[in-house]
PDB file of N, CA and C in Angstrom:
ATOM      1  N   LYS A   1       0.829  -1.217   0.051  1.00  0.00           N
ATOM      2  CA  LYS A   1      -0.053   0.044   0.033  1.00  0.00           C
ATOM      3  C   LYS A   1       0.803   1.313   0.004  1.00  0.00           C
ATOM      4  N   PRO A   2       0.655   2.119  -0.934  1.00  0.00           N
ATOM      5  CA  PRO A   2       1.363   3.318  -0.880  1.00  0.00           C
ATOM      6  C   PRO A   2       1.240   4.093   0.285  1.00  0.00           C
ATOM      7  N   THR A   3       2.261   4.704   0.838  1.00  0.00           N
ATOM      8  CA  THR A   3       2.397   5.666   1.888  1.00  0.00           C
ATOM      9  C   THR A   3       3.032   6.962   1.717  1.00  0.00           C
ATOM     10  N   ARG A   4       2.725   7.888   2.404  1.00  0.00           N
ATOM     11  CA  ARG A   4       3.662   9.137   2.463  1.00  0.00           C
ATOM     12  C   ARG A   4       4.992   8.976   2.663  1.00  0.00           C
ATOM     13  N   GLU A   5       5.528   8.184   3.623  1.00  0.00           N
ATOM     14  CA  GLU A   5       6.653   7.765   3.967  1.00  0.00           C
ATOM     15  C   GLU A   5       7.414   7.135   2.865  1.00  0.00           C
ATOM     16  N   ARG A   6       6.909   6.083   2.112  1.00  0.00           N
ATOM     17  CA  ARG A   6       7.451   5.544   1.050  1.00  0.00           C
ATOM     18  C   ARG A   6       7.480   6.422  -0.102  1.00  0.00           C
ATOM     19  N   PHE A   7       6.677   7.231  -0.321  1.00  0.00           N
ATOM     20  CA  PHE A   7       6.817   8.304  -1.415  1.00  0.00           C
ATOM     21  C   PHE A   7       8.083   9.141  -1.195  1.00  0.00           C
ATOM     22  N   GLU A   8       8.164   9.649  -0.047  1.00  0.00           N
ATOM     23  CA  GLU A   8       9.206  10.565   0.521  1.00  0.00           C
ATOM     24  C   GLU A   8      10.680   9.891   0.195  1.00  0.00           C
ATOM     25  N   LYS A   9      10.691   8.587   0.570  1.00  0.00           N
ATOM     26  CA  LYS A   9      11.917   7.771   0.471  1.00  0.00           C
ATOM     27  C   LYS A   9      12.300   7.697  -0.956  1.00  0.00           C
ATOM     28  N   GLU A  10      11.296   7.502  -1.809  1.00  0.00           N
ATOM     29  CA  GLU A  10      11.472   7.429  -3.221  1.00  0.00           C
ATOM     30  C   GLU A  10      11.791   8.700  -3.908  1.00  0.00           C
ATOM     31  N   LEU A  11      11.644   9.751  -3.395  1.00  0.00           N
ATOM     32  CA  LEU A  11      11.976  11.060  -3.806  1.00  0.00           C
ATOM     33  C   LEU A  11      13.348  11.304  -3.615  1.00  0.00           C
ATOM     34  N   ASP A  12      13.703  10.853  -2.363  1.00  0.00           N
ATOM     35  CA  ASP A  12      15.160  11.130  -1.889  1.00  0.00           C
ATOM     36  C   ASP A  12      16.224  10.433  -2.832  1.00  0.00           C
ATOM     37  N   ARG A  13      16.185   9.091  -2.638  1.00  0.00           N
ATOM     38  CA  ARG A  13      17.205   8.109  -3.359  1.00  0.00           C
ATOM     39  C   ARG A  13      16.550   7.202  -4.060  1.00  0.00           C
ATOM     40  N   GLY A  14      15.276   6.953  -4.173  1.00  0.00           N
ATOM     41  CA  GLY A  14      14.559   5.948  -4.819  1.00  0.00           C
ATOM     42  C   GLY A  14      14.434   6.324  -6.383  1.00  0.00           C
ATOM     43  N   ALA A  15      13.326   5.671  -7.028  1.00  0.00           N
ATOM     44  CA  ALA A  15      13.226   5.814  -8.345  1.00  0.00           C
ATOM     45  C   ALA A  15      12.302   6.851  -8.935  1.00  0.00           C
ATOM     46  N   LEU A  16      11.926   7.672  -7.933  1.00  0.00           N
ATOM     47  CA  LEU A  16      11.164   8.757  -8.563  1.00  0.00           C
ATOM     48  C   LEU A  16      12.017  10.071  -8.904  1.00  0.00           C
ATOM     49  N   PHE A  17      11.797  10.544  -9.929  1.00  0.00           N
ATOM     50  CA  PHE A  17      12.462  11.854 -10.408  1.00  0.00           C
ATOM     51  C   PHE A  17      11.583  12.961 -10.518  1.00  0.00           C
ATOM     52  N   VAL A  18      11.401  13.585  -9.545  1.00  0.00           N
ATOM     53  CA  VAL A  18      10.256  14.641  -9.274  1.00  0.00           C
ATOM     54  C   VAL A  18      10.993  15.992  -8.704  1.00  0.00           C
ATOM     55  N   GLY A  19      10.593  17.101  -9.211  1.00  0.00           N
ATOM     56  CA  GLY A  19      11.278  18.224  -8.712  1.00  0.00           C
ATOM     57  C   GLY A  19      11.520  19.376  -9.663  1.00  0.00           C
ATOM     58  N   SER A  20      12.169  20.315  -9.408  1.00  0.00           N
ATOM     59  CA  SER A  20      12.798  21.351 -10.382  1.00  0.00           C
ATOM     60  C   SER A  20      13.572  20.649 -11.443  1.00  0.00           C
ATOM     61  N   PRO A  21      13.818  21.359 -12.351  1.00  0.00           N
ATOM     62  CA  PRO A  21      14.818  20.904 -13.457  1.00  0.00           C
ATOM     63  C   PRO A  21      16.299  20.558 -12.771  1.00  0.00           C
ATOM     64  N   GLN A  22      16.609  21.472 -12.055  1.00  0.00           N
ATOM     65  CA  GLN A  22      17.780  21.379 -11.061  1.00  0.00           C
ATOM     66  C   GLN A  22      17.925  20.140 -10.251  1.00  0.00           C
ATOM     67  N   THR A  23      16.822  19.896  -9.561  1.00  0.00           N
ATOM     68  CA  THR A  23      16.767  18.644  -8.472  1.00  0.00           C
ATOM     69  C   THR A  23      16.712  17.558  -9.472  1.00  0.00           C
ATOM     70  N   VAL A  24      16.047  17.316 -10.464  1.00  0.00           N
ATOM     71  CA  VAL A  24      15.920  16.078 -11.454  1.00  0.00           C
ATOM     72  C   VAL A  24      17.268  15.827 -12.027  1.00  0.00           C
ATOM     73  N   ALA A  25      17.775  17.095 -12.547  1.00  0.00           N
ATOM     74  CA  ALA A  25      19.235  16.837 -13.203  1.00  0.00           C
ATOM     75  C   ALA A  25      20.226  16.434 -12.188  1.00  0.00           C
ATOM     76  N   ARG A  26      20.169  16.676 -11.052  1.00  0.00           N
ATOM     77  CA  ARG A  26      21.057  16.410  -9.990  1.00  0.00           C
ATOM     78  C   ARG A  26      20.882  14.848  -9.588  1.00  0.00           C
ATOM     79  N   LYS A  27      19.747  14.561  -9.574  1.00  0.00           N
ATOM     80  CA  LYS A  27      19.436  13.143  -9.158  1.00  0.00           C
ATOM     81  C   LYS A  27      20.045  12.067 -10.502  1.00  0.00           C
ATOM     82  N   ILE A  28      19.489  12.509 -11.686  1.00  0.00           N
ATOM     83  CA  ILE A  28      19.982  11.761 -12.731  1.00  0.00           C
ATOM     84  C   ILE A  28      21.503  11.674 -12.918  1.00  0.00           C
ATOM     85  N   ALA A  29      22.220  12.665 -12.742  1.00  0.00           N
ATOM     86  CA  ALA A  29      23.750  12.709 -12.667  1.00  0.00           C
ATOM     87  C   ALA A  29      24.274  11.853 -11.607  1.00  0.00           C
ATOM     88  N   ASP A  30      23.683  11.908 -10.352  1.00  0.00           N
ATOM     89  CA  ASP A  30      24.018  11.069  -9.363  1.00  0.00           C
ATOM     90  C   ASP A  30      23.894   9.599  -9.488  1.00  0.00           C
ATOM     91  N   VAL A  31      22.891   9.143 -10.266  1.00  0.00           N
ATOM     92  CA  VAL A  31      22.489   7.814 -10.536  1.00  0.00           C
ATOM     93  C   VAL A  31      23.331   7.416 -11.592  1.00  0.00           C
ATOM     94  N   ALA A  32      23.654   8.162 -12.684  1.00  0.00           N
ATOM     95  CA  ALA A  32      24.431   7.890 -13.986  1.00  0.00           C
ATOM     96  C   ALA A  32      25.844   7.549 -13.377  1.00  0.00           C
ATOM     97  N   ARG A  33      26.436   8.513 -12.341  1.00  0.00           N
ATOM     98  CA  ARG A  33      27.515   8.364 -11.941  1.00  0.00           C
ATOM     99  C   ARG A  33      27.763   7.050 -11.015  1.00  0.00           C
ATOM    100  N   ASP A  34      26.917   6.997 -10.174  1.00  0.00           N
ATOM    101  CA  ASP A  34      27.007   5.914  -9.327  1.00  0.00           C
ATOM    102  C   ASP A  34      26.872   4.521  -9.840  1.00  0.00           C
ATOM    103  N   LEU A  35      26.186   4.319 -10.998  1.00  0.00           N
ATOM    104  CA  LEU A  35      26.045   3.036 -11.728  1.00  0.00           C
ATOM    105  C   LEU A  35      26.689   3.257 -12.857  1.00  0.00           C
ATOM    106  N   ARG A  36      27.705   3.993 -13.099  1.00  0.00           N
ATOM    107  CA  ARG A  36      28.523   4.172 -14.346  1.00  0.00           C
ATOM    108  C   ARG A  36      27.619   3.894 -15.654  1.00  0.00           C
ATOM    109  N   LEU A  37      26.448   4.721 -15.772  1.00  0.00           N
ATOM    110  CA  LEU A  37      25.598   4.545 -16.942  1.00  0.00           C
ATOM    111  C   LEU A  37      26.206   5.406 -18.282  1.00  0.00           C
ATOM    112  N   SER A  38      26.051   4.967 -19.223  1.00  0.00           N
ATOM    113  CA  SER A  38      26.310   5.834 -20.484  1.00  0.00           C
ATOM    114  C   SER A  38      24.980   6.214 -21.071  1.00  0.00           C
ATOM    115  N   ARG A  39      23.991   5.676 -20.650  1.00  0.00           N
ATOM    116  CA  ARG A  39      22.571   5.917 -21.188  1.00  0.00           C
ATOM    117  C   ARG A  39      21.555   6.062 -19.936  1.00  0.00           C
ATOM    118  N   PHE A  40      20.505   6.839 -20.162  1.00  0.00           N
ATOM    119  CA  PHE A  40      19.607   6.674 -19.053  1.00  0.00           C
ATOM    120  C   PHE A  40      18.262   7.143 -19.630  1.00  0.00           C
ATOM    121  N   ASP A  41      17.370   6.160 -19.529  1.00  0.00           N
ATOM    122  CA  ASP A  41      15.933   6.270 -20.165  1.00  0.00           C
ATOM    123  C   ASP A  41      14.973   6.484 -18.998  1.00  0.00           C
ATOM    124  N   LEU A  42      14.007   7.497 -19.431  1.00  0.00           N
ATOM    125  CA  LEU A  42      12.936   7.751 -18.319  1.00  0.00           C
ATOM    126  C   LEU A  42      11.691   7.117 -18.944  1.00  0.00           C
ATOM    127  N   LYS A  43      10.831   6.472 -17.950  1.00  0.00           N
ATOM    128  CA  LYS A  43       9.611   5.938 -18.229  1.00  0.00           C
ATOM    129  C   LYS A  43       8.478   6.960 -17.651  1.00  0.00           C
ATOM    130  N   TYR A  44       7.790   7.494 -18.391  1.00  0.00           N
ATOM    131  CA  TYR A  44       6.830   8.624 -17.843  1.00  0.00           C
ATOM    132  C   TYR A  44       5.598   7.771 -17.369  1.00  0.00           C
ATOM    133  N   ASP A  45       5.331   8.072 -16.163  1.00  0.00           N
ATOM    134  CA  ASP A  45       3.933   7.765 -15.521  1.00  0.00           C
ATOM    135  C   ASP A  45       2.943   8.934 -15.506  1.00  0.00           C
ATOM    136  N   ILE A  46       2.652   9.355 -16.569  1.00  0.00           N
ATOM    137  CA  ILE A  46       2.083  10.857 -16.646  1.00  0.00           C
ATOM    138  C   ILE A  46       0.628  10.695 -17.270  1.00  0.00           C
ATOM    139  N   MET A  47       0.102   9.618 -17.135  1.00  0.00           N
ATOM    140  CA  MET A  47      -1.263   9.577 -17.913  1.00  0.00           C
ATOM    141  C   MET A  47      -2.370  10.367 -17.203  1.00  0.00           C
ATOM    142  N   HIS A  48      -2.244  10.848 -16.093  1.00  0.00           N
ATOM    143  CA  HIS A  48      -3.210  11.864 -15.456  1.00  0.00           C
ATOM    144  C   HIS A  48      -2.882  13.167 -15.773  1.00  0.00           C
ATOM    145  N   LEU A  49      -1.688  13.455 -16.426  1.00  0.00           N
ATOM    146  CA  LEU A  49      -1.407  15.067 -16.728  1.00  0.00           C
ATOM    147  C   LEU A  49      -2.196  15.291 -17.914  1.00  0.00           C
ATOM    148  N   PRO A  50      -2.630  16.574 -17.924  1.00  0.00           N
ATOM    149  CA  PRO A  50      -2.957  17.210 -19.162  1.00  0.00           C
ATOM    150  C   PRO A  50      -2.032  17.209 -20.210  1.00  0.00           C
ATOM    151  N   ARG A  51      -2.266  17.171 -21.460  1.00  0.00           N
ATOM    152  CA  ARG A  51      -1.611  16.988 -22.630  1.00  0.00           C
ATOM    153  C   ARG A  51      -0.331  18.163 -22.485  1.00  0.00           C
ATOM    154  N   GLN A  52      -0.950  19.543 -22.166  1.00  0.00           N
ATOM    155  CA  GLN A  52      -0.005  20.589 -22.298  1.00  0.00           C
ATOM    156  C   GLN A  52       1.119  20.457 -20.893  1.00  0.00           C
ATOM    157  N   ALA A  53       0.657  19.814 -19.763  1.00  0.00           N
ATOM    158  CA  ALA A  53       1.620  19.625 -18.732  1.00  0.00           C
ATOM    159  C   ALA A  53       2.706  18.434 -19.219  1.00  0.00           C
ATOM    160  N   ARG A  54       2.373  17.527 -20.009  1.00  0.00           N
ATOM    161  CA  ARG A  54       3.264  16.538 -20.462  1.00  0.00           C
ATOM    162  C   ARG A  54       4.120  17.188 -21.451  1.00  0.00           C
ATOM    163  N   ALA A  55       3.655  17.897 -22.296  1.00  0.00           N
ATOM    164  CA  ALA A  55       4.587  18.724 -23.426  1.00  0.00           C
ATOM    165  C   ALA A  55       5.499  19.447 -22.641  1.00  0.00           C
ATOM    166  N   ARG A  56       5.044  20.220 -21.469  1.00  0.00           N
ATOM    167  CA  ARG A  56       6.097  21.151 -20.704  1.00  0.00           C
ATOM    168  C   ARG A  56       7.126  20.262 -20.118  1.00  0.00           C
ATOM    169  N   THR A  57       6.735  19.005 -19.572  1.00  0.00           N
ATOM    170  CA  THR A  57       7.845  18.229 -18.995  1.00  0.00           C
ATOM    171  C   THR A  57       8.799  17.797 -20.100  1.00  0.00           C
ATOM    172  N   ILE A  58       8.343  17.254 -21.223  1.00  0.00           N
ATOM    173  CA  ILE A  58       9.294  16.951 -22.196  1.00  0.00           C
ATOM    174  C   ILE A  58      10.152  18.024 -22.604  1.00  0.00           C
ATOM    175  N   GLU A  59       9.547  19.332 -22.684  1.00  0.00           N
ATOM    176  CA  GLU A  59      10.460  20.451 -23.017  1.00  0.00           C
ATOM    177  C   GLU A  59      11.483  20.705 -22.076  1.00  0.00           C
ATOM    178  N   LEU A  60      11.014  20.685 -20.730  1.00  0.00           N
ATOM    179  CA  LEU A  60      12.073  20.982 -19.726  1.00  0.00           C
ATOM    180  C   LEU A  60      13.120  19.871 -19.696  1.00  0.00           C
ATOM    181  N   LEU A  61      12.791  18.677 -19.928  1.00  0.00           N
ATOM    182  CA  LEU A  61      13.840  17.624 -20.166  1.00  0.00           C
ATOM    183  C   LEU A  61      14.795  17.947 -21.125  1.00  0.00           C
ATOM    184  N   GLY A  62      14.502  18.348 -22.103  1.00  0.00           N
ATOM    185  CA  GLY A  62      15.426  18.620 -23.461  1.00  0.00           C
ATOM    186  C   GLY A  62      16.159  19.978 -23.201  1.00  0.00           C
ATOM    187  N   SER A  63      15.515  20.911 -22.680  1.00  0.00           N
ATOM    188  CA  SER A  63      15.875  22.380 -22.598  1.00  0.00           C
ATOM    189  C   SER A  63      16.665  22.657 -21.270  1.00  0.00           C
ATOM    190  N   GLU A  64      16.445  22.068 -20.241  1.00  0.00           N
ATOM    191  CA  GLU A  64      17.225  22.395 -18.900  1.00  0.00           C
ATOM    192  C   GLU A  64      17.815  21.163 -18.223  1.00  0.00           C
ATOM    193  N   VAL A  65      17.031  20.040 -18.321  1.00  0.00           N
ATOM    194  CA  VAL A  65      17.487  18.841 -17.440  1.00  0.00           C
ATOM    195  C   VAL A  65      18.713  18.210 -18.216  1.00  0.00           C
ATOM    196  N   ALA A  66      18.422  17.726 -19.399  1.00  0.00           N
ATOM    197  CA  ALA A  66      19.638  17.168 -20.006  1.00  0.00           C
ATOM    198  C   ALA A  66      20.883  17.881 -20.210  1.00  0.00           C
ATOM    199  N   PRO A  67      20.775  19.150 -20.656  1.00  0.00           N
ATOM    200  CA  PRO A  67      22.119  19.993 -20.642  1.00  0.00           C
ATOM    201  C   PRO A  67      22.879  20.217 -19.102  1.00  0.00           C
ATOM    202  N   ARG A  68      21.968  20.264 -18.192  1.00  0.00           N
ATOM    203  CA  ARG A  68      22.608  20.286 -16.756  1.00  0.00           C
ATOM    204  C   ARG A  68      23.083  18.965 -16.454  1.00  0.00           C
ATOM    205  N   VAL A  69      22.391  17.807 -16.774  1.00  0.00           N
ATOM    206  CA  VAL A  69      23.043  16.507 -16.366  1.00  0.00           C
ATOM    207  C   VAL A  69      24.377  16.351 -17.194  1.00  0.00           C
ATOM    208  N   ARG A  70      24.606  16.847 -18.443  1.00  0.00           N
ATOM    209  CA  ARG A  70      25.801  16.633 -19.201  1.00  0.00           C
ATOM    210  C   ARG A  70      26.939  17.601 -18.383  1.00  0.00           C
ATOM    211  N   GLU A  71      26.540  18.711 -18.131  1.00  0.00           N
ATOM    212  CA  GLU A  71      27.484  19.676 -17.262  1.00  0.00           C
ATOM    213  C   GLU A  71      27.963  19.054 -16.263  1.00  0.00           C
ATOM    214  N   LEU A  72      26.990  18.499 -15.293  1.00  0.00           N
ATOM    215  CA  LEU A  72      27.460  18.016 -14.096  1.00  0.00           C
ATOM    216  C   LEU A  72      28.359  16.841 -14.262  1.00  0.00           C
ATOM    217  N   LEU A  73      27.930  15.935 -15.123  1.00  0.00           N
ATOM    218  CA  LEU A  73      28.882  14.761 -15.406  1.00  0.00           C
ATOM    219  C   LEU A  73      30.175  15.013 -16.009  1.00  0.00           C
ATOM    220  N   SER A  74      30.230  16.117 -16.971  1.00  0.00           N
ATOM    221  CA  SER A  74      31.568  16.608 -17.410  1.00  0.00           C
ATOM    222  C   SER A  74      32.576  17.252 -16.164  1.00  0.00           C
ATOM    223  N   LYS A  75      31.895  17.995 -15.388  1.00  0.00           N
ATOM    224  CA  LYS A  75      32.636  18.671 -14.204  1.00  0.00           C
ATOM    225  C   LYS A  75      33.051  17.458 -13.416  1.00  0.00           C
ATOM    226  N   GLU A  76      32.357  16.452 -13.078  1.00  0.00           N
ATOM    227  CA  GLU A  76      32.715  15.427 -12.206  1.00  0.00           C
ATOM    228  C   GLU A  76      33.802  14.673 -12.710  1.00  0.00           C
ATOM    229  N   SER A  77      33.724  14.317 -14.139  1.00  0.00           N
ATOM    230  CA  SER A  77      34.903  13.658 -14.739  1.00  0.00           C
ATOM    231  C   SER A  77      36.071  14.274 -14.915  1.00  0.00           C
ATOM    232  N   ALA A  78      36.080  15.765 -14.880  1.00  0.00           N
ATOM    233  CA  ALA A  78      37.256  16.408 -14.906  1.00  0.00           C
ATOM    234  C   ALA A  78      38.148  16.396 -13.737  1.00  0.00           C
ATOM    235  N   HIS A  79      37.303  16.269 -12.408  1.00  0.00           N
ATOM    236  CA  HIS A  79      37.980  16.184 -11.288  1.00  0.00           C
ATOM    237  C   HIS A  79      38.517  14.822 -10.956  1.00  0.00           C
ATOM    238  N   VAL A  80      38.425  13.802 -11.757  1.00  0.00           N
ATOM    239  CA  VAL A  80      38.783  12.578 -11.409  1.00  0.00           C
ATOM    240  C   VAL A  80      40.278  12.283 -11.964  1.00  0.00           C
TER     241      VAL A  80
END
């Protein structure tokens, strides 16, 4: 049964990627670094969102999140 506590745990270090573009980018970069990923796919569970909100989510991923992830990972690899 879903609980608020489980939801909060998933937000922190779990499988949910929710928040501002900066928050989501940081979490993706952390996971990619920790698991040594070269590719990261997101599965959207956004069936309840209106079409306009889904479009905005995709727009933010391309315009803000992905560039920030690349920036974070390149900075971290430069320090290794």
